[in-house]
């Protein structure tokens, strides 16, 4: 595990400490979780962009053509 020193504005530090306290976790755990969430969001965006770039409109239309043209069930109607 690594240790880092982070400078936070007083207001951000206070809010983070309060929220961590409400969740009954340490400020360290709260910050580690926040960083992990941000990493997850950014890597997911990159992953989805790469998947989209590999996509094929023709394959999408071919798959869509296989869907039967039936009315949705009553519970699925908007």
PDB file of N, CA and C in Angstrom:
ATOM      1  N   UNK A   1       0.842  -1.163   0.000  1.00  0.00           N
ATOM      2  CA  UNK A   1       0.000   0.000   0.000  1.00  0.00           C
ATOM      3  C   UNK A   1       0.895   1.236   0.000  1.00  0.00           C
ATOM      4  N   UNK A   2       0.443   2.281  -0.638  1.00  0.00           N
ATOM      5  CA  UNK A   2       1.204   3.519  -0.724  1.00  0.00           C
ATOM      6  C   UNK A   2       0.565   4.600   0.134  1.00  0.00           C
ATOM      7  N   UNK A   3       1.405   5.517   0.579  1.00  0.00           N
ATOM      8  CA  UNK A   3       0.919   6.679   1.331  1.00  0.00           C
ATOM      9  C   UNK A   3       1.187   7.921   0.496  1.00  0.00           C
ATOM     10  N   UNK A   4       0.193   8.796   0.441  1.00  0.00           N
ATOM     11  CA  UNK A   4       0.357  10.060  -0.277  1.00  0.00           C
ATOM     12  C   UNK A   4      -0.120  11.199   0.612  1.00  0.00           C
ATOM     13  N   UNK A   5       0.355  12.371   0.286  1.00  0.00           N
ATOM     14  CA  UNK A   5      -0.092  13.572   0.990  1.00  0.00           C
ATOM     15  C   UNK A   5      -0.923  14.382   0.002  1.00  0.00           C
ATOM     16  N   UNK A   6      -2.125  14.720   0.404  1.00  0.00           N
ATOM     17  CA  UNK A   6      -3.038  15.449  -0.481  1.00  0.00           C
ATOM     18  C   UNK A   6      -3.445  16.750   0.196  1.00  0.00           C
ATOM     19  N   UNK A   7      -3.385  17.821  -0.545  1.00  0.00           N
ATOM     20  CA  UNK A   7      -3.831  19.113  -0.023  1.00  0.00           C
ATOM     21  C   UNK A   7      -5.262  19.351  -0.506  1.00  0.00           C
ATOM     22  N   UNK A   8      -6.157  19.552   0.445  1.00  0.00           N
ATOM     23  CA  UNK A   8      -7.558  19.801   0.137  1.00  0.00           C
ATOM     24  C   UNK A   8      -7.955  21.165   0.681  1.00  0.00           C
ATOM     25  N   UNK A   9      -8.833  21.850  -0.021  1.00  0.00           N
ATOM     26  CA  UNK A   9      -9.400  23.066   0.571  1.00  0.00           C
ATOM     27  C   UNK A   9     -10.107  22.691   1.882  1.00  0.00           C
ATOM     28  N   UNK A  10     -10.072  23.598   2.830  1.00  0.00           N
ATOM     29  CA  UNK A  10     -10.671  23.322   4.139  1.00  0.00           C
ATOM     30  C   UNK A  10     -12.121  22.870   4.024  1.00  0.00           C
ATOM     31  N   UNK A  11     -12.884  23.496   3.139  1.00  0.00           N
ATOM     32  CA  UNK A  11     -14.299  23.148   3.011  1.00  0.00           C
ATOM     33  C   UNK A  11     -14.482  21.716   2.504  1.00  0.00           C
ATOM     34  N   UNK A  12     -13.646  21.292   1.562  1.00  0.00           N
ATOM     35  CA  UNK A  12     -13.733  19.929   1.035  1.00  0.00           C
ATOM     36  C   UNK A  12     -13.324  18.937   2.116  1.00  0.00           C
ATOM     37  N   UNK A  13     -12.266  19.249   2.844  1.00  0.00           N
ATOM     38  CA  UNK A  13     -11.799  18.375   3.929  1.00  0.00           C
ATOM     39  C   UNK A  13     -12.889  18.213   4.988  1.00  0.00           C
ATOM     40  N   UNK A  14     -13.521  19.299   5.363  1.00  0.00           N
ATOM     41  CA  UNK A  14     -14.574  19.253   6.375  1.00  0.00           C
ATOM     42  C   UNK A  14     -15.749  18.401   5.909  1.00  0.00           C
ATOM     43  N   UNK A  15     -16.186  18.628   4.673  1.00  0.00           N
ATOM     44  CA  UNK A  15     -17.322  17.858   4.157  1.00  0.00           C
ATOM     45  C   UNK A  15     -16.986  16.381   4.036  1.00  0.00           C
ATOM     46  N   UNK A  16     -15.783  16.069   3.567  1.00  0.00           N
ATOM     47  CA  UNK A  16     -15.377  14.673   3.423  1.00  0.00           C
ATOM     48  C   UNK A  16     -15.337  13.994   4.791  1.00  0.00           C
ATOM     49  N   UNK A  17     -14.792  14.688   5.781  1.00  0.00           N
ATOM     50  CA  UNK A  17     -14.712  14.124   7.135  1.00  0.00           C
ATOM     51  C   UNK A  17     -16.108  13.887   7.697  1.00  0.00           C
ATOM     52  N   UNK A  18     -17.032  14.832   7.456  1.00  0.00           N
ATOM     53  CA  UNK A  18     -18.407  14.679   7.956  1.00  0.00           C
ATOM     54  C   UNK A  18     -19.111  13.499   7.296  1.00  0.00           C
ATOM     55  N   UNK A  19     -18.964  13.378   5.991  1.00  0.00           N
ATOM     56  CA  UNK A  19     -19.622  12.282   5.271  1.00  0.00           C
ATOM     57  C   UNK A  19     -19.034  10.939   5.699  1.00  0.00           C
ATOM     58  N   UNK A  20     -17.718  10.879   5.840  1.00  0.00           N
ATOM     59  CA  UNK A  20     -17.083   9.642   6.302  1.00  0.00           C
ATOM     60  C   UNK A  20     -17.604   9.271   7.685  1.00  0.00           C
ATOM     61  N   UNK A  21     -17.751  10.258   8.548  1.00  0.00           N
ATOM     62  CA  UNK A  21     -18.281   9.998   9.886  1.00  0.00           C
ATOM     63  C   UNK A  21     -19.699   9.478   9.856  1.00  0.00           C
ATOM     64  N   UNK A  22     -20.519  10.036   8.973  1.00  0.00           N
ATOM     65  CA  UNK A  22     -21.901   9.566   8.844  1.00  0.00           C
ATOM     66  C   UNK A  22     -21.955   8.113   8.381  1.00  0.00           C
ATOM     67  N   UNK A  23     -20.977   7.711   7.561  1.00  0.00           N
ATOM     68  CA  UNK A  23     -20.916   6.334   7.058  1.00  0.00           C
ATOM     69  C   UNK A  23     -20.125   5.421   7.988  1.00  0.00           C
ATOM     70  N   UNK A  24     -19.640   5.977   9.096  1.00  0.00           N
ATOM     71  CA  UNK A  24     -18.866   5.211  10.082  1.00  0.00           C
ATOM     72  C   UNK A  24     -17.613   4.582   9.471  1.00  0.00           C
ATOM     73  N   UNK A  25     -16.942   5.363   8.621  1.00  0.00           N
ATOM     74  CA  UNK A  25     -15.670   4.924   8.047  1.00  0.00           C
ATOM     75  C   UNK A  25     -14.639   6.021   8.269  1.00  0.00           C
ATOM     76  N   UNK A  26     -13.379   5.659   8.131  1.00  0.00           N
ATOM     77  CA  UNK A  26     -12.322   6.653   8.304  1.00  0.00           C
ATOM     78  C   UNK A  26     -12.262   7.570   7.088  1.00  0.00           C
ATOM     79  N   UNK A  27     -11.674   8.724   7.281  1.00  0.00           N
ATOM     80  CA  UNK A  27     -11.484   9.652   6.160  1.00  0.00           C
ATOM     81  C   UNK A  27     -10.614   8.990   5.105  1.00  0.00           C
ATOM     82  N   UNK A  28      -9.619   8.220   5.531  1.00  0.00           N
ATOM     83  CA  UNK A  28      -8.751   7.510   4.601  1.00  0.00           C
ATOM     84  C   UNK A  28      -9.561   6.548   3.730  1.00  0.00           C
ATOM     85  N   UNK A  29     -10.468   5.787   4.343  1.00  0.00           N
ATOM     86  CA  UNK A  29     -11.313   4.858   3.589  1.00  0.00           C
ATOM     87  C   UNK A  29     -12.216   5.610   2.618  1.00  0.00           C
ATOM     88  N   UNK A  30     -12.746   6.735   3.074  1.00  0.00           N
ATOM     89  CA  UNK A  30     -13.632   7.534   2.227  1.00  0.00           C
ATOM     90  C   UNK A  30     -12.887   8.035   0.989  1.00  0.00           C
ATOM     91  N   UNK A  31     -11.697   8.581   1.189  1.00  0.00           N
ATOM     92  CA  UNK A  31     -10.921   9.117   0.064  1.00  0.00           C
ATOM     93  C   UNK A  31     -10.496   7.994  -0.876  1.00  0.00           C
ATOM     94  N   UNK A  32     -10.058   6.847  -0.329  1.00  0.00           N
ATOM     95  CA  UNK A  32      -9.677   5.712  -1.176  1.00  0.00           C
ATOM     96  C   UNK A  32     -10.861   5.252  -2.017  1.00  0.00           C
ATOM     97  N   UNK A  33     -12.049   5.212  -1.416  1.00  0.00           N
ATOM     98  CA  UNK A  33     -13.249   4.815  -2.137  1.00  0.00           C
ATOM     99  C   UNK A  33     -13.596   5.826  -3.230  1.00  0.00           C
ATOM    100  N   UNK A  34     -13.463   7.103  -2.923  1.00  0.00           N
ATOM    101  CA  UNK A  34     -13.767   8.152  -3.900  1.00  0.00           C
ATOM    102  C   UNK A  34     -12.827   8.069  -5.100  1.00  0.00           C
ATOM    103  N   UNK A  35     -11.553   7.835  -4.843  1.00  0.00           N
ATOM    104  CA  UNK A  35     -10.586   7.701  -5.930  1.00  0.00           C
ATOM    105  C   UNK A  35     -10.902   6.460  -6.759  1.00  0.00           C
ATOM    106  N   UNK A  36     -11.242   5.356  -6.101  1.00  0.00           N
ATOM    107  CA  UNK A  36     -11.590   4.129  -6.821  1.00  0.00           C
ATOM    108  C   UNK A  36     -12.826   4.341  -7.696  1.00  0.00           C
ATOM    109  N   UNK A  37     -13.817   5.059  -7.198  1.00  0.00           N
ATOM    110  CA  UNK A  37     -15.020   5.349  -7.991  1.00  0.00           C
ATOM    111  C   UNK A  37     -14.672   6.165  -9.229  1.00  0.00           C
ATOM    112  N   UNK A  38     -13.824   7.155  -9.087  1.00  0.00           N
ATOM    113  CA  UNK A  38     -13.432   7.997 -10.219  1.00  0.00           C
ATOM    114  C   UNK A  38     -12.669   7.181 -11.259  1.00  0.00           C
ATOM    115  N   UNK A  39     -11.753   6.336 -10.794  1.00  0.00           N
ATOM    116  CA  UNK A  39     -11.005   5.473 -11.711  1.00  0.00           C
ATOM    117  C   UNK A  39     -11.961   4.556 -12.457  1.00  0.00           C
ATOM    118  N   UNK A  40     -12.914   3.987 -11.757  1.00  0.00           N
ATOM    119  CA  UNK A  40     -13.893   3.101 -12.377  1.00  0.00           C
ATOM    120  C   UNK A  40     -14.689   3.832 -13.451  1.00  0.00           C
ATOM    121  N   UNK A  41     -15.121   5.030 -13.145  1.00  0.00           N
ATOM    122  CA  UNK A  41     -15.910   5.808 -14.112  1.00  0.00           C
ATOM    123  C   UNK A  41     -15.091   6.115 -15.364  1.00  0.00           C
ATOM    124  N   UNK A  42     -13.856   6.528 -15.190  1.00  0.00           N
ATOM    125  CA  UNK A  42     -13.020   6.887 -16.331  1.00  0.00           C
ATOM    126  C   UNK A  42     -12.635   5.670 -17.160  1.00  0.00           C
ATOM    127  N   UNK A  43     -12.301   4.561 -16.506  1.00  0.00           N
ATOM    128  CA  UNK A  43     -11.926   3.378 -17.278  1.00  0.00           C
ATOM    129  C   UNK A  43     -13.139   2.771 -17.976  1.00  0.00           C
ATOM    130  N   UNK A  44     -14.308   2.877 -17.373  1.00  0.00           N
ATOM    131  CA  UNK A  44     -15.527   2.387 -18.023  1.00  0.00           C
ATOM    132  C   UNK A  44     -15.809   3.196 -19.274  1.00  0.00           C
ATOM    133  N   UNK A  45     -15.654   4.504 -19.187  1.00  0.00           N
ATOM    134  CA  UNK A  45     -15.871   5.370 -20.353  1.00  0.00           C
ATOM    135  C   UNK A  45     -14.920   4.992 -21.485  1.00  0.00           C
ATOM    136  N   UNK A  46     -13.661   4.757 -21.159  1.00  0.00           N
ATOM    137  CA  UNK A  46     -12.662   4.374 -22.162  1.00  0.00           C
ATOM    138  C   UNK A  46     -13.009   3.017 -22.766  1.00  0.00           C
ATOM    139  N   UNK A  47     -13.393   2.067 -21.914  1.00  0.00           N
ATOM    140  CA  UNK A  47     -13.763   0.726 -22.385  1.00  0.00           C
ATOM    141  C   UNK A  47     -14.952   0.795 -23.337  1.00  0.00           C
ATOM    142  N   UNK A  48     -15.988   1.538 -22.957  1.00  0.00           N
ATOM    143  CA  UNK A  48     -17.180   1.623 -23.804  1.00  0.00           C
ATOM    144  C   UNK A  48     -16.880   2.326 -25.126  1.00  0.00           C
ATOM    145  N   UNK A  49     -16.020   3.323 -25.105  1.00  0.00           N
ATOM    146  CA  UNK A  49     -15.643   4.003 -26.348  1.00  0.00           C
ATOM    147  C   UNK A  49     -14.903   3.044 -27.279  1.00  0.00           C
ATOM    148  N   UNK A  50     -14.017   2.221 -26.711  1.00  0.00           N
ATOM    149  CA  UNK A  50     -13.291   1.240 -27.526  1.00  0.00           C
ATOM    150  C   UNK A  50     -14.250   0.204 -28.101  1.00  0.00           C
ATOM    151  N   UNK A  51     -15.207  -0.262 -27.292  1.00  0.00           N
ATOM    152  CA  UNK A  51     -16.198  -1.227 -27.784  1.00  0.00           C
ATOM    153  C   UNK A  51     -17.051  -0.613 -28.892  1.00  0.00           C
ATOM    154  N   UNK A  52     -17.443   0.641 -28.720  1.00  0.00           N
ATOM    155  CA  UNK A  52     -18.260   1.312 -29.734  1.00  0.00           C
ATOM    156  C   UNK A  52     -17.496   1.448 -31.043  1.00  0.00           C
ATOM    157  N   UNK A  53     -16.202   1.715 -30.957  1.00  0.00           N
ATOM    158  CA  UNK A  53     -15.384   1.868 -32.164  1.00  0.00           C
ATOM    159  C   UNK A  53     -15.292   0.556 -32.944  1.00  0.00           C
ATOM    160  N   UNK A  54     -15.400  -0.576 -32.237  1.00  0.00           N
ATOM    161  CA  UNK A  54     -15.343  -1.881 -32.902  1.00  0.00           C
ATOM    162  C   UNK A  54     -16.706  -2.328 -33.419  1.00  0.00           C
ATOM    163  N   UNK A  55     -17.736  -1.577 -33.108  1.00  0.00           N
ATOM    164  CA  UNK A  55     -19.086  -1.963 -33.494  1.00  0.00           C
ATOM    165  C   UNK A  55     -19.319  -1.876 -34.987  1.00  0.00           C
ATOM    166  N   UNK A  56     -20.350  -2.568 -35.426  1.00  0.00           N
ATOM    167  CA  UNK A  56     -20.703  -2.585 -36.844  1.00  0.00           C
ATOM    168  C   UNK A  56     -22.194  -2.282 -36.984  1.00  0.00           C
ATOM    169  N   UNK A  57     -22.493  -1.260 -37.768  1.00  0.00           N
ATOM    170  CA  UNK A  57     -23.891  -0.898 -38.007  1.00  0.00           C
ATOM    171  C   UNK A  57     -24.595  -2.040 -38.736  1.00  0.00           C
ATOM    172  N   UNK A  58     -23.909  -2.664 -39.672  1.00  0.00           N
ATOM    173  CA  UNK A  58     -24.534  -3.760 -40.423  1.00  0.00           C
ATOM    174  C   UNK A  58     -24.873  -4.940 -39.520  1.00  0.00           C
ATOM    175  N   UNK A  59     -23.971  -5.300 -38.592  1.00  0.00           N
ATOM    176  CA  UNK A  59     -24.252  -6.390 -37.661  1.00  0.00           C
ATOM    177  C   UNK A  59     -25.394  -6.027 -36.721  1.00  0.00           C
ATOM    178  N   UNK A  60     -25.466  -4.744 -36.334  1.00  0.00           N
ATOM    179  CA  UNK A  60     -26.561  -4.290 -35.476  1.00  0.00           C
ATOM    180  C   UNK A  60     -27.889  -4.453 -36.199  1.00  0.00           C
ATOM    181  N   UNK A  61     -27.950  -4.010 -37.448  1.00  0.00           N
ATOM    182  CA  UNK A  61     -29.196  -4.130 -38.208  1.00  0.00           C
ATOM    183  C   UNK A  61     -29.556  -5.595 -38.455  1.00  0.00           C
ATOM    184  N   UNK A  62     -28.559  -6.453 -38.662  1.00  0.00           N
ATOM    185  CA  UNK A  62     -28.821  -7.880 -38.864  1.00  0.00           C
ATOM    186  C   UNK A  62     -29.416  -8.490 -37.595  1.00  0.00           C
ATOM    187  N   UNK A  63     -28.869  -8.125 -36.440  1.00  0.00           N
ATOM    188  CA  UNK A  63     -29.406  -8.643 -35.173  1.00  0.00           C
ATOM    189  C   UNK A  63     -30.805  -8.097 -34.926  1.00  0.00           C
ATOM    190  N   UNK A  64     -31.026  -6.835 -35.224  1.00  0.00           N
ATOM    191  CA  UNK A  64     -32.329  -6.214 -35.019  1.00  0.00           C
ATOM    192  C   UNK A  64     -33.387  -6.849 -35.921  1.00  0.00           C
ATOM    193  N   UNK A  65     -32.988  -7.261 -37.115  1.00  0.00           N
ATOM    194  CA  UNK A  65     -33.924  -7.883 -38.055  1.00  0.00           C
ATOM    195  C   UNK A  65     -34.433  -9.224 -37.530  1.00  0.00           C
ATOM    196  N   UNK A  66     -33.705  -9.855 -36.617  1.00  0.00           N
ATOM    197  CA  UNK A  66     -34.112 -11.140 -36.063  1.00  0.00           C
ATOM    198  C   UNK A  66     -35.149 -11.009 -34.955  1.00  0.00           C
ATOM    199  N   UNK A  67     -35.389  -9.795 -34.479  1.00  0.00           N
ATOM    200  CA  UNK A  67     -36.357  -9.572 -33.401  1.00  0.00           C
ATOM    201  C   UNK A  67     -37.759  -9.647 -33.998  1.00  0.00           C
ATOM    202  N   UNK A  68     -38.615 -10.492 -33.442  1.00  0.00           N
ATOM    203  CA  UNK A  68     -39.968 -10.611 -33.994  1.00  0.00           C
ATOM    204  C   UNK A  68     -40.766  -9.310 -33.839  1.00  0.00           C
ATOM    205  N   UNK A  69     -41.568  -9.019 -34.836  1.00  0.00           N
ATOM    206  CA  UNK A  69     -42.395  -7.810 -34.824  1.00  0.00           C
ATOM    207  C   UNK A  69     -43.718  -8.135 -34.147  1.00  0.00           C
ATOM    208  N   UNK A  70     -43.729  -8.101 -32.817  1.00  0.00           N
ATOM    209  CA  UNK A  70     -44.941  -8.378 -32.048  1.00  0.00           C
ATOM    210  C   UNK A  70     -45.180  -7.221 -31.096  1.00  0.00           C
ATOM    211  N   UNK A  71     -46.420  -7.075 -30.710  1.00  0.00           N
ATOM    212  CA  UNK A  71     -46.771  -6.040 -29.739  1.00  0.00           C
ATOM    213  C   UNK A  71     -46.197  -6.410 -28.379  1.00  0.00           C
ATOM    214  N   UNK A  72     -45.749  -5.435 -27.610  1.00  0.00           N
ATOM    215  CA  UNK A  72     -45.232  -5.747 -26.269  1.00  0.00           C
ATOM    216  C   UNK A  72     -46.353  -6.193 -25.335  1.00  0.00           C
ATOM    217  N   UNK A  73     -45.980  -6.940 -24.303  1.00  0.00           N
ATOM    218  CA  UNK A  73     -46.952  -7.312 -23.292  1.00  0.00           C
ATOM    219  C   UNK A  73     -47.527  -6.054 -22.659  1.00  0.00           C
ATOM    220  N   UNK A  74     -48.717  -6.162 -22.123  1.00  0.00           N
ATOM    221  CA  UNK A  74     -49.381  -5.009 -21.515  1.00  0.00           C
ATOM    222  C   UNK A  74     -48.503  -4.345 -20.444  1.00  0.00           C
ATOM    223  N   UNK A  75     -47.827  -5.142 -19.655  1.00  0.00           N
ATOM    224  CA  UNK A  75     -46.992  -4.575 -18.574  1.00  0.00           C
ATOM    225  C   UNK A  75     -45.740  -3.878 -19.096  1.00  0.00           C
ATOM    226  N   UNK A  76     -45.384  -4.087 -20.379  1.00  0.00           N
ATOM    227  CA  UNK A  76     -44.210  -3.455 -20.957  1.00  0.00           C
ATOM    228  C   UNK A  76     -44.533  -2.220 -21.806  1.00  0.00           C
ATOM    229  N   UNK A  77     -45.796  -1.899 -21.893  1.00  0.00           N
ATOM    230  CA  UNK A  77     -46.188  -0.742 -22.707  1.00  0.00           C
ATOM    231  C   UNK A  77     -45.950   0.558 -21.965  1.00  0.00           C
ATOM    232  N   UNK A  78     -45.611   1.582 -22.715  1.00  0.00           N
ATOM    233  CA  UNK A  78     -45.403   2.901 -22.107  1.00  0.00           C
ATOM    234  C   UNK A  78     -46.697   3.669 -22.005  1.00  0.00           C
TER     235      UNK A  78
END
